[in-house]
Amino acid sequence: FEITIAPIHMPNTLELIRRCPGVSFILDHLGNPDIAGSVLEPWATHLREMASFENVWCKVSGLATNANLESWKREDFVPYLDTVFEAFGTHRVVYASDWPHALRATDYVRWFETLDWATRAWDEASRRRLFHDNAVQFYRLG
């Protein structure tokens, strides 16, 4: 089940997740945090609670369109990515481009390079999970 919500919907979504333990959920766009406004809470608290459910994964996409469309820089995303990677680890995160919607704020190469930069300290196995293996597993593409 793809979850595409705004942070205001996170409490109700948590209730849905609690009631459907047999469903695999993937949170699109990190739950659309307000990156342009530099708002972390209550988004981060709710995101950590979602991550506590093993059947919930997170799609790493949509950051550029939740930031200032014309002037975002990769460093703007660090607190949000740190929160997601800490909460979900490297086994339940999936890279996504958000194409073509992302074209409002970035091109495919810049977005990929931004996430590549953000994960530069990761080992090769963790990066492979984010950029490939986790999507194959979640979407049963094998």
C-alpha atoms as a PDB file:
ATOM      1  CA  PHE A   1       0.000   0.000   0.000  1.00  0.00           C
ATOM      2  CA  GLU A   2       1.519   3.307  -1.111  1.00  0.00           C
ATOM      3  CA  ILE A   3       1.015   6.048   1.489  1.00  0.00           C
ATOM      4  CA  THR A   4       1.098   9.550  -0.003  1.00  0.00           C
ATOM      5  CA  ILE A   5       0.235  12.001   2.740  1.00  0.00           C
ATOM      6  CA  ALA A   6       1.117  15.316   4.337  1.00  0.00           C
ATOM      7  CA  PRO A   7       2.466  15.406   7.902  1.00  0.00           C
ATOM      8  CA  ILE A   8      -0.962  16.409   9.227  1.00  0.00           C
ATOM      9  CA  HIS A   9      -2.266  12.986   8.150  1.00  0.00           C
ATOM     10  CA  MET A  10       0.375  10.981  10.003  1.00  0.00           C
ATOM     11  CA  PRO A  11      -1.647  10.301  13.195  1.00  0.00           C
ATOM     12  CA  ASN A  12      -4.573   8.865  11.213  1.00  0.00           C
ATOM     13  CA  THR A  13      -2.176   6.907   9.022  1.00  0.00           C
ATOM     14  CA  LEU A  14      -0.576   5.415  12.122  1.00  0.00           C
ATOM     15  CA  GLU A  15      -4.007   4.166  13.157  1.00  0.00           C
ATOM     16  CA  LEU A  16      -4.467   2.581   9.723  1.00  0.00           C
ATOM     17  CA  ILE A  17      -1.086   0.859  10.050  1.00  0.00           C
ATOM     18  CA  ARG A  18      -1.998  -0.445  13.522  1.00  0.00           C
ATOM     19  CA  ARG A  19      -5.241  -1.909  12.175  1.00  0.00           C
ATOM     20  CA  CYS A  20      -3.620  -3.599   9.168  1.00  0.00           C
ATOM     21  CA  PRO A  21      -0.601  -5.545  10.432  1.00  0.00           C
ATOM     22  CA  GLY A  22      -0.668  -7.899   7.436  1.00  0.00           C
ATOM     23  CA  VAL A  23      -0.344  -5.120   4.860  1.00  0.00           C
ATOM     24  CA  SER A  24       2.988  -3.927   3.483  1.00  0.00           C
ATOM     25  CA  PHE A  25       3.077  -0.115   3.513  1.00  0.00           C
ATOM     26  CA  ILE A  26       5.541   2.242   1.848  1.00  0.00           C
ATOM     27  CA  LEU A  27       5.534   5.906   2.849  1.00  0.00           C
ATOM     28  CA  ASP A  28       6.071   8.052  -0.240  1.00  0.00           C
ATOM     29  CA  HIS A  29       8.243  11.169  -0.148  1.00  0.00           C
ATOM     30  CA  LEU A  30       9.166  10.648   3.533  1.00  0.00           C
ATOM     31  CA  GLY A  31       5.627  11.763   4.370  1.00  0.00           C
ATOM     32  CA  ASN A  32       6.181  15.147   2.676  1.00  0.00           C
ATOM     33  CA  PRO A  33       7.879  17.044   5.514  1.00  0.00           C
ATOM     34  CA  ASP A  34       7.958  20.851   5.333  1.00  0.00           C
ATOM     35  CA  ILE A  35      11.565  21.195   4.222  1.00  0.00           C
ATOM     36  CA  ALA A  36      11.022  24.719   2.858  1.00  0.00           C
ATOM     37  CA  GLY A  37       9.952  25.800   6.352  1.00  0.00           C
ATOM     38  CA  SER A  38      12.674  23.757   8.108  1.00  0.00           C
ATOM     39  CA  VAL A  39       9.970  22.040  10.190  1.00  0.00           C
ATOM     40  CA  LEU A  40      11.008  18.733  11.786  1.00  0.00           C
ATOM     41  CA  GLU A  41       8.357  18.198  14.455  1.00  0.00           C
ATOM     42  CA  PRO A  42       5.917  16.580  14.814  1.00  0.00           C
ATOM     43  CA  TRP A  43       6.877  14.937  11.490  1.00  0.00           C
ATOM     44  CA  ALA A  44      10.010  13.256  12.922  1.00  0.00           C
ATOM     45  CA  THR A  45       8.181  11.816  15.940  1.00  0.00           C
ATOM     46  CA  HIS A  46       5.407  10.369  13.779  1.00  0.00           C
ATOM     47  CA  LEU A  47       7.909   9.041  11.246  1.00  0.00           C
ATOM     48  CA  ARG A  48       9.823   7.206  13.981  1.00  0.00           C
ATOM     49  CA  GLU A  49       6.571   5.677  15.192  1.00  0.00           C
ATOM     50  CA  MET A  50       5.742   4.515  11.663  1.00  0.00           C
ATOM     51  CA  ALA A  51       9.207   2.987  11.388  1.00  0.00           C
ATOM     52  CA  SER A  52       8.590   0.976  14.552  1.00  0.00           C
ATOM     53  CA  PHE A  53       6.223  -1.201  12.487  1.00  0.00           C
ATOM     54  CA  GLU A  54       8.235  -3.763  10.505  1.00  0.00           C
ATOM     55  CA  ASN A  55       5.658  -3.734   7.686  1.00  0.00           C
ATOM     56  CA  VAL A  56       6.291  -0.038   6.960  1.00  0.00           C
ATOM     57  CA  TRP A  57       9.008   1.064   4.550  1.00  0.00           C
ATOM     58  CA  CYS A  58       9.948   4.549   3.326  1.00  0.00           C
ATOM     59  CA  LYS A  59      10.440   5.833  -0.200  1.00  0.00           C
ATOM     60  CA  VAL A  60      13.219   8.421  -0.377  1.00  0.00           C
ATOM     61  CA  SER A  61      11.802  10.839  -2.903  1.00  0.00           C
ATOM     62  CA  GLY A  62      10.070  14.194  -3.149  1.00  0.00           C
ATOM     63  CA  LEU A  63      12.543  16.138  -1.048  1.00  0.00           C
ATOM     64  CA  ALA A  64      13.285  18.752  -3.701  1.00  0.00           C
ATOM     65  CA  THR A  65       9.592  19.499  -4.246  1.00  0.00           C
ATOM     66  CA  ASN A  66       9.087  19.906  -0.488  1.00  0.00           C
ATOM     67  CA  ALA A  67      11.998  22.363  -0.301  1.00  0.00           C
ATOM     68  CA  ASN A  68      12.319  25.811  -1.807  1.00  0.00           C
ATOM     69  CA  LEU A  69      11.807  24.906  -5.472  1.00  0.00           C
ATOM     70  CA  GLU A  70      14.235  27.463  -6.877  1.00  0.00           C
ATOM     71  CA  SER A  71      16.999  27.584  -4.293  1.00  0.00           C
ATOM     72  CA  TRP A  72      17.276  24.291  -2.395  1.00  0.00           C
ATOM     73  CA  LYS A  73      20.667  22.832  -1.654  1.00  0.00           C
ATOM     74  CA  ARG A  74      21.506  19.284  -0.708  1.00  0.00           C
ATOM     75  CA  GLU A  75      22.398  20.264   2.852  1.00  0.00           C
ATOM     76  CA  ASP A  76      18.735  21.257   3.390  1.00  0.00           C
ATOM     77  CA  PHE A  77      17.843  17.566   3.336  1.00  0.00           C
ATOM     78  CA  VAL A  78      20.347  16.303   5.913  1.00  0.00           C
ATOM     79  CA  PRO A  79      18.093  16.479   9.030  1.00  0.00           C
ATOM     80  CA  TYR A  80      15.246  14.735   7.180  1.00  0.00           C
ATOM     81  CA  LEU A  81      17.421  12.034   5.661  1.00  0.00           C
ATOM     82  CA  ASP A  82      19.205  11.483   8.977  1.00  0.00           C
ATOM     83  CA  THR A  83      15.835  10.987  10.650  1.00  0.00           C
ATOM     84  CA  VAL A  84      14.621   8.544   7.993  1.00  0.00           C
ATOM     85  CA  PHE A  85      17.817   6.498   7.872  1.00  0.00           C
ATOM     86  CA  GLU A  86      18.028   6.356  11.664  1.00  0.00           C
ATOM     87  CA  ALA A  87      14.397   5.255  11.931  1.00  0.00           C
ATOM     88  CA  PHE A  88      14.194   2.788   9.025  1.00  0.00           C
ATOM     89  CA  GLY A  89      17.824   1.737   8.746  1.00  0.00           C
ATOM     90  CA  THR A  90      19.116   0.710   5.344  1.00  0.00           C
ATOM     91  CA  HIS A  91      16.833  -2.312   4.954  1.00  0.00           C
ATOM     92  CA  ARG A  92      13.483  -0.503   4.619  1.00  0.00           C
ATOM     93  CA  VAL A  93      14.289   2.559   2.494  1.00  0.00           C
ATOM     94  CA  VAL A  94      13.805   2.747  -1.264  1.00  0.00           C
ATOM     95  CA  TYR A  95      15.276   5.292  -3.668  1.00  0.00           C
ATOM     96  CA  ALA A  96      12.795   6.958  -6.020  1.00  0.00           C
ATOM     97  CA  SER A  97      13.057   9.889  -8.396  1.00  0.00           C
ATOM     98  CA  ASP A  98       9.509  11.310  -8.137  1.00  0.00           C
ATOM     99  CA  TRP A  99       9.724  11.879 -11.881  1.00  0.00           C
ATOM    100  CA  PRO A 100       8.115  13.799 -13.580  1.00  0.00           C
ATOM    101  CA  HIS A 101       6.758  15.787 -10.629  1.00  0.00           C
ATOM    102  CA  ALA A 102      10.299  16.463  -9.400  1.00  0.00           C
ATOM    103  CA  LEU A 103      11.047  18.410 -12.587  1.00  0.00           C
ATOM    104  CA  ARG A 104       9.422  21.399 -10.865  1.00  0.00           C
ATOM    105  CA  ALA A 105      12.518  21.582  -8.627  1.00  0.00           C
ATOM    106  CA  THR A 106      15.291  19.419 -10.086  1.00  0.00           C
ATOM    107  CA  ASP A 107      16.357  17.094 -12.832  1.00  0.00           C
ATOM    108  CA  TYR A 108      16.961  13.375 -12.447  1.00  0.00           C
ATOM    109  CA  VAL A 109      20.757  13.632 -12.382  1.00  0.00           C
ATOM    110  CA  ARG A 110      20.861  16.344  -9.713  1.00  0.00           C
ATOM    111  CA  TRP A 111      18.461  14.395  -7.472  1.00  0.00           C
ATOM    112  CA  PHE A 112      20.427  11.157  -7.882  1.00  0.00           C
ATOM    113  CA  GLU A 113      23.711  12.969  -7.189  1.00  0.00           C
ATOM    114  CA  THR A 114      22.179  14.552  -4.076  1.00  0.00           C
ATOM    115  CA  LEU A 115      21.215  11.199  -2.605  1.00  0.00           C
ATOM    116  CA  ASP A 116      24.511   9.695  -3.711  1.00  0.00           C
ATOM    117  CA  TRP A 117      26.269  12.514  -1.791  1.00  0.00           C
ATOM    118  CA  ALA A 118      24.058  11.991   1.284  1.00  0.00           C
ATOM    119  CA  THR A 119      24.964   8.293   1.443  1.00  0.00           C
ATOM    120  CA  ARG A 120      28.636   8.609   0.512  1.00  0.00           C
ATOM    121  CA  ALA A 121      29.784   7.243   3.900  1.00  0.00           C
ATOM    122  CA  TRP A 122      27.627   4.111   3.610  1.00  0.00           C
ATOM    123  CA  ASP A 123      29.155   0.765   2.752  1.00  0.00           C
ATOM    124  CA  GLU A 124      28.486  -0.649  -0.718  1.00  0.00           C
ATOM    125  CA  ALA A 125      25.909  -3.193   0.497  1.00  0.00           C
ATOM    126  CA  SER A 126      23.804  -0.489   2.186  1.00  0.00           C
ATOM    127  CA  ARG A 127      23.920   1.729  -0.892  1.00  0.00           C
ATOM    128  CA  ARG A 128      22.920  -1.201  -3.099  1.00  0.00           C
ATOM    129  CA  ARG A 129      19.932  -1.867  -0.826  1.00  0.00           C
ATOM    130  CA  LEU A 130      18.769   1.767  -1.060  1.00  0.00           C
ATOM    131  CA  PHE A 131      19.266   2.148  -4.803  1.00  0.00           C
ATOM    132  CA  HIS A 132      18.203  -1.337  -5.919  1.00  0.00           C
ATOM    133  CA  ASP A 133      17.675  -4.327  -3.641  1.00  0.00           C
ATOM    134  CA  ASN A 134      15.021  -2.890  -1.337  1.00  0.00           C
ATOM    135  CA  ALA A 135      12.749  -1.946  -4.256  1.00  0.00           C
ATOM    136  CA  VAL A 136      13.117  -5.440  -5.686  1.00  0.00           C
ATOM    137  CA  GLN A 137      12.174  -6.898  -2.309  1.00  0.00           C
ATOM    138  CA  PHE A 138       9.286  -4.562  -1.456  1.00  0.00           C
ATOM    139  CA  TYR A 139       7.668  -4.679  -4.896  1.00  0.00           C
ATOM    140  CA  ARG A 140       8.477  -8.397  -5.342  1.00  0.00           C
ATOM    141  CA  LEU A 141      10.300  -7.778  -8.601  1.00  0.00           C
ATOM    142  CA  GLY A 142      12.672 -10.754  -8.297  1.00  0.00           C
END
